[in-house]
Amino acid sequence: MFDPKTNHYPYPEFTDRHYLKVRKNCGIVFDSGYPYIDRSKRFLFKQGLIRILLNILVFPVATVRLGLKVEVREKLKKHRDTIRKGIVSCSNHVHLWDYLCIMKAARPNRTYVLSWAPNINGENGTLIRMVGGIPIPDTDLGATKTYFKTVVDHVRNGGWLQIYAEGSMWEFYAPIRPFKPGVARIACESERPVLPLGFSYREPGWIRKHIFRQIACFTLRIGEPVFPDKTLSGKERRNDLTVRAHEAVCRLAGIDPETNLYPPVFADSKRIDYYTTEYGIGYRG
């Protein structure tokens, strides 16, 4: 496995923290009355137009720009019936465009994705919503209950929900960071499996490296569904599913779970500096 080992990005101290600066706040209130999945005719019409644009222009551009390869896509056909009944997918979060890669691989399935609330309120919020972004409220208990019920019902009713279980995006980071419990909570509550996805890197060729300054090319691998263990209950079931999903993503990313830098479950986990202590050199945001 190729590890970019870049020091360009200012990876934070805690593994679930963000380093991107959101420069705008639209003032949207994510309360119990907010449509976390907007099913209005007007919104769905706009979303349909965006999907046409994605297929015609954005997916091809993203594929070329990232050097994307999707491997084992036949797994989606193999497990088509399982996916149609509802699925929660999870992957490592390693690029601003990696959700576009997942959307492309998932076609013709329509995916939704849990998003950091400030991003939905930021300068790219409308676009994120149009491609299926669902804000995660973090200040209102009533809003959290409404959001959770919405996404669980979505999965129970045959929807596809993508979750970045690491909690934040760290560009071109190779080790798989600890998973937060949300992916297992939603999968267990909806009684549907987790579909692991793993991004790994390939060393770019001379043109990409020296002309386009590309750090790495991307490979997305699709795994086998991981089902909740119904012989376990409550926290044990969620913890077991988190561990097995994390191990699956590690393997798909080309990493032995036994030698991965981080444990599978997030517990205020801090970044481990495995090759340098200097991050963010020359970073402009």
Protein backbone atom coordinates (compact mmCIF):
# COMPACT_ATOMS: atom_id res chain seq x y z
CA MET A 1 0.00 0.00 0.00
CA PHE A 2 1.28 3.46 -0.92
CA ASP A 3 1.30 5.91 1.99
CA PRO A 4 1.58 9.58 0.92
CA LYS A 5 2.89 10.58 4.38
CA THR A 6 2.17 14.20 3.57
CA ASN A 7 2.80 16.98 6.08
CA HIS A 8 0.82 19.52 4.05
CA TYR A 9 -2.40 19.33 6.08
CA PRO A 10 -2.82 20.51 9.70
CA TYR A 11 -4.24 17.32 11.18
CA PRO A 12 -5.74 18.24 14.60
CA GLU A 13 -4.78 16.82 17.98
CA PHE A 14 -7.96 14.73 18.36
CA THR A 15 -8.83 12.28 15.61
CA ASP A 16 -12.45 13.43 15.15
CA ARG A 17 -11.71 17.17 14.83
CA HIS A 18 -11.96 19.32 11.71
CA TYR A 19 -9.32 21.64 10.31
CA LEU A 20 -11.17 23.19 7.37
CA LYS A 21 -12.34 26.73 7.97
CA VAL A 22 -16.03 27.37 7.21
CA ARG A 23 -16.11 31.03 6.18
CA LYS A 24 -19.86 31.57 6.08
CA ASN A 25 -22.81 31.00 8.39
CA CYS A 26 -26.21 31.09 6.72
CA GLY A 27 -27.95 31.06 10.07
CA ILE A 28 -30.00 27.93 9.44
CA VAL A 29 -31.40 26.49 12.65
CA PHE A 30 -31.27 22.70 12.80
CA ASP A 31 -34.12 22.11 15.22
CA SER A 32 -36.88 19.51 15.50
CA GLY A 33 -38.79 21.18 12.66
CA TYR A 34 -35.95 21.09 10.14
CA PRO A 35 -36.45 18.72 7.13
CA TYR A 36 -33.34 16.55 7.58
CA ILE A 37 -34.39 14.65 4.45
CA ASP A 38 -36.34 17.06 2.27
CA ARG A 39 -38.95 15.19 0.25
CA SER A 40 -40.75 18.24 -1.15
CA LYS A 41 -41.41 18.14 -4.91
CA ARG A 42 -39.42 21.32 -5.47
CA PHE A 43 -36.34 20.01 -3.68
CA LEU A 44 -36.51 16.59 -5.37
CA PHE A 45 -36.78 18.27 -8.78
CA LYS A 46 -33.65 20.33 -8.11
CA GLN A 47 -31.90 17.26 -6.75
CA GLY A 48 -32.77 15.37 -9.94
CA LEU A 49 -31.22 18.10 -12.09
CA ILE A 50 -28.07 18.01 -9.97
CA ARG A 51 -27.82 14.24 -10.43
CA ILE A 52 -27.98 14.66 -14.20
CA LEU A 53 -25.10 17.16 -13.99
CA LEU A 54 -23.17 14.81 -11.74
CA ASN A 55 -23.43 11.94 -14.20
CA ILE A 56 -22.66 14.00 -17.30
CA LEU A 57 -19.85 16.20 -15.98
CA VAL A 58 -18.84 15.90 -12.33
CA PHE A 59 -18.24 12.14 -12.03
CA PRO A 60 -15.99 11.98 -15.13
CA VAL A 61 -14.00 15.05 -14.00
CA ALA A 62 -13.61 13.69 -10.46
CA THR A 63 -12.52 10.28 -11.79
CA VAL A 64 -9.80 11.80 -13.96
CA ARG A 65 -8.69 14.40 -11.42
CA LEU A 66 -8.38 11.92 -8.55
CA GLY A 67 -7.13 9.03 -10.66
CA LEU A 68 -10.02 7.05 -9.19
CA LYS A 69 -10.34 3.30 -9.51
CA VAL A 70 -13.34 1.46 -8.07
CA GLU A 71 -12.65 -2.18 -7.27
CA VAL A 72 -15.02 -5.06 -6.54
CA ARG A 73 -18.07 -3.07 -7.63
CA GLU A 74 -19.71 -6.41 -8.44
CA LYS A 75 -20.28 -6.72 -4.68
CA LEU A 76 -23.15 -4.26 -5.15
CA LYS A 77 -24.80 -6.63 -7.63
CA LYS A 78 -24.10 -9.63 -5.42
CA HIS A 79 -25.83 -7.97 -2.46
CA ARG A 80 -28.43 -6.07 -4.44
CA ASP A 81 -31.36 -7.49 -2.48
CA THR A 82 -29.72 -6.64 0.84
CA ILE A 83 -28.97 -3.08 -0.29
CA ARG A 84 -32.53 -2.57 -1.53
CA LYS A 85 -33.81 -3.28 1.98
CA GLY A 86 -31.62 -0.49 3.39
CA ILE A 87 -27.90 -0.12 4.06
CA VAL A 88 -25.54 1.99 6.14
CA SER A 89 -22.17 2.41 4.44
CA CYS A 90 -19.04 3.70 6.12
CA SER A 91 -15.55 4.57 4.95
CA ASN A 92 -12.47 6.54 5.85
CA HIS A 93 -12.79 10.26 4.99
CA VAL A 94 -9.75 11.36 3.00
CA HIS A 95 -10.72 13.99 0.42
CA LEU A 96 -13.24 16.76 -0.23
CA TRP A 97 -14.48 14.78 -3.23
CA ASP A 98 -14.51 11.27 -1.77
CA TYR A 99 -18.30 11.32 -1.37
CA LEU A 100 -18.57 11.96 -5.12
CA CYS A 101 -16.55 8.76 -5.58
CA ILE A 102 -18.99 6.85 -3.38
CA MET A 103 -21.99 8.30 -5.23
CA LYS A 104 -20.44 7.24 -8.54
CA ALA A 105 -19.72 3.72 -7.31
CA ALA A 106 -23.22 3.34 -5.80
CA ARG A 107 -25.12 4.14 -9.00
CA PRO A 108 -28.01 3.60 -9.68
CA ASN A 109 -28.63 3.67 -5.92
CA ARG A 110 -29.31 7.13 -4.51
CA THR A 111 -27.22 7.86 -1.45
CA TYR A 112 -27.51 10.28 1.47
CA VAL A 113 -24.63 11.30 3.73
CA LEU A 114 -24.35 12.60 7.28
CA SER A 115 -22.61 15.98 7.28
CA TRP A 116 -21.01 18.28 9.82
CA ALA A 117 -23.67 20.93 10.55
CA PRO A 118 -21.36 23.97 9.96
CA ASN A 119 -20.74 22.68 6.42
CA ILE A 120 -24.48 22.71 5.70
CA ASN A 121 -24.60 26.24 7.09
CA GLY A 122 -21.50 27.27 5.14
CA GLU A 123 -20.70 28.50 1.66
CA ASN A 124 -21.19 25.05 0.09
CA GLY A 125 -24.26 24.12 2.11
CA THR A 126 -26.80 24.22 -0.73
CA LEU A 127 -24.68 21.94 -2.91
CA ILE A 128 -24.06 19.52 -0.04
CA ARG A 129 -27.80 19.31 0.58
CA MET A 130 -28.47 18.69 -3.12
CA VAL A 131 -26.12 15.69 -3.18
CA GLY A 132 -27.80 14.19 -0.10
CA GLY A 133 -26.18 15.94 2.84
CA ILE A 134 -27.97 15.58 6.20
CA PRO A 135 -26.78 17.89 8.99
CA ILE A 136 -26.01 16.36 12.37
CA PRO A 137 -27.46 18.68 15.06
CA ASP A 138 -25.30 18.99 18.16
CA THR A 139 -26.96 21.55 20.43
CA ASP A 140 -30.65 20.62 20.69
CA LEU A 141 -31.87 17.34 22.23
CA GLY A 142 -35.23 17.55 20.43
CA ALA A 143 -33.45 18.12 17.12
CA THR A 144 -31.18 15.15 17.75
CA LYS A 145 -34.18 12.88 18.36
CA THR A 146 -35.87 14.11 15.16
CA TYR A 147 -32.70 13.72 13.09
CA PHE A 148 -32.02 10.23 14.46
CA LYS A 149 -35.57 9.04 13.79
CA THR A 150 -35.40 10.47 10.26
CA VAL A 151 -32.20 8.67 9.29
CA VAL A 152 -33.21 5.38 10.95
CA ASP A 153 -36.56 5.43 9.13
CA HIS A 154 -34.74 6.22 5.90
CA VAL A 155 -32.56 3.12 6.24
CA ARG A 156 -35.46 0.92 7.41
CA ASN A 157 -37.43 1.96 4.33
CA GLY A 158 -34.71 0.85 1.92
CA GLY A 159 -32.48 3.93 1.83
CA TRP A 160 -28.69 4.13 1.57
CA LEU A 161 -26.97 6.24 4.23
CA GLN A 162 -23.24 6.99 4.08
CA ILE A 163 -21.46 7.78 7.35
CA TYR A 164 -17.86 8.87 7.87
CA ALA A 165 -17.35 7.08 11.16
CA GLU A 166 -13.98 8.73 11.85
CA GLY A 167 -15.91 11.96 12.45
CA SER A 168 -13.99 14.33 10.18
CA MET A 169 -11.99 14.60 6.96
CA TRP A 170 -8.20 14.29 7.01
CA GLU A 171 -6.94 14.56 3.44
CA PHE A 172 -4.52 11.87 2.23
CA TYR A 173 -4.20 10.33 5.71
CA ALA A 174 -3.42 6.62 5.51
CA PRO A 175 -4.09 5.04 8.94
CA ILE A 176 -7.75 4.35 9.71
CA ARG A 177 -8.76 6.50 12.66
CA PRO A 178 -11.04 5.22 15.46
CA PHE A 179 -14.75 4.99 14.64
CA LYS A 180 -17.36 6.94 16.56
CA PRO A 181 -20.50 4.97 17.54
CA GLY A 182 -23.01 6.63 15.19
CA VAL A 183 -22.69 4.13 12.34
CA ALA A 184 -23.34 1.17 14.66
CA ARG A 185 -26.17 2.95 16.50
CA ILE A 186 -28.05 3.66 13.27
CA ALA A 187 -27.39 0.20 11.83
CA CYS A 188 -28.48 -1.56 15.02
CA GLU A 189 -31.57 0.62 15.49
CA SER A 190 -32.67 0.10 11.88
CA GLU A 191 -31.64 -3.60 12.01
CA ARG A 192 -29.72 -3.25 8.77
CA PRO A 193 -26.08 -4.08 7.94
CA VAL A 194 -23.04 -1.87 7.49
CA LEU A 195 -21.42 -1.86 4.05
CA PRO A 196 -17.70 -1.13 4.52
CA LEU A 197 -15.89 0.96 1.91
CA GLY A 198 -12.18 1.70 1.96
CA PHE A 199 -10.09 4.36 0.25
CA SER A 200 -6.43 3.60 -0.35
CA TYR A 201 -3.74 5.37 -2.35
CA ARG A 202 -1.59 4.71 -5.37
CA GLU A 203 1.60 6.56 -6.18
CA PRO A 204 0.92 9.10 -8.95
CA GLY A 205 2.84 9.09 -12.22
CA TRP A 206 5.36 11.75 -13.21
CA ILE A 207 2.82 14.07 -14.88
CA ARG A 208 0.37 13.98 -11.96
CA LYS A 209 3.15 14.37 -9.39
CA HIS A 210 5.24 17.10 -11.02
CA ILE A 211 2.78 19.04 -13.18
CA PHE A 212 -0.49 18.74 -11.26
CA ARG A 213 1.22 18.40 -7.85
CA GLN A 214 -1.01 15.45 -7.01
CA ILE A 215 -0.07 13.74 -3.76
CA ALA A 216 -1.69 10.38 -4.56
CA CYS A 217 -4.28 8.63 -6.72
CA PHE A 218 -7.31 6.99 -5.12
CA THR A 219 -8.68 3.46 -5.08
CA LEU A 220 -12.13 2.75 -3.61
CA ARG A 221 -12.81 -0.86 -2.61
CA ILE A 222 -16.24 -2.22 -1.73
CA GLY A 223 -16.57 -4.89 0.94
CA GLU A 224 -19.09 -7.42 2.21
CA PRO A 225 -22.01 -6.28 4.41
CA VAL A 226 -21.40 -6.58 8.15
CA PHE A 227 -24.55 -7.48 10.11
CA PRO A 228 -25.31 -6.64 13.75
CA ASP A 229 -24.92 -9.64 16.04
CA LYS A 230 -28.42 -10.25 17.39
CA THR A 231 -27.08 -12.58 20.09
CA LEU A 232 -25.67 -9.46 21.77
CA SER A 233 -27.67 -6.64 23.24
CA GLY A 234 -27.42 -2.89 23.66
CA LYS A 235 -23.94 -1.42 23.98
CA GLU A 236 -22.21 -4.78 23.38
CA ARG A 237 -23.94 -5.16 20.01
CA ARG A 238 -23.01 -1.63 18.94
CA ASN A 239 -19.42 -1.98 20.11
CA ASP A 240 -19.03 -5.33 18.33
CA LEU A 241 -20.39 -3.89 15.09
CA THR A 242 -18.10 -0.85 15.36
CA VAL A 243 -15.06 -3.08 15.78
CA ARG A 244 -15.95 -5.38 12.88
CA ALA A 245 -16.78 -2.47 10.56
CA HIS A 246 -13.47 -0.79 11.45
CA GLU A 247 -11.55 -3.99 10.77
CA ALA A 248 -13.30 -4.37 7.40
CA VAL A 249 -12.46 -0.79 6.34
CA CYS A 250 -8.83 -1.36 7.38
CA ARG A 251 -8.56 -4.43 5.16
CA LEU A 252 -10.21 -2.66 2.22
CA ALA A 253 -7.68 0.16 2.60
CA GLY A 254 -4.86 -2.39 2.49
CA ILE A 255 -4.07 -2.25 6.22
CA ASP A 256 -3.86 -5.20 8.62
CA PRO A 257 -6.28 -4.35 11.49
CA GLU A 258 -3.75 -5.82 13.93
CA THR A 259 -1.09 -3.32 12.86
CA ASN A 260 -3.30 -0.30 12.19
CA LEU A 261 -2.06 2.70 14.15
CA TYR A 262 -5.33 3.29 16.02
CA PRO A 263 -7.78 1.19 18.05
CA PRO A 264 -11.21 0.64 16.44
CA VAL A 265 -13.38 2.59 18.91
CA PHE A 266 -13.08 6.34 19.51
CA ALA A 267 -12.38 7.34 23.11
CA ASP A 268 -11.19 10.95 22.93
CA SER A 269 -8.48 9.52 20.71
CA LYS A 270 -5.47 11.70 19.92
CA ARG A 271 -3.45 11.80 16.72
CA ILE A 272 -0.38 9.58 16.69
CA ASP A 273 2.60 11.12 14.93
CA TYR A 274 3.97 8.08 13.22
CA TYR A 275 6.52 9.73 10.94
CA THR A 276 6.66 13.47 11.66
CA THR A 277 5.43 15.97 14.22
CA GLU A 278 5.12 18.78 11.66
CA TYR A 279 1.78 19.12 9.88
CA GLY A 280 0.25 21.89 7.84
CA ILE A 281 3.42 23.18 6.21
CA GLY A 282 2.37 25.69 3.56
CA TYR A 283 -1.33 25.07 4.19
CA ARG A 284 -3.62 27.88 3.02
CA GLY A 285 -7.05 26.32 3.57
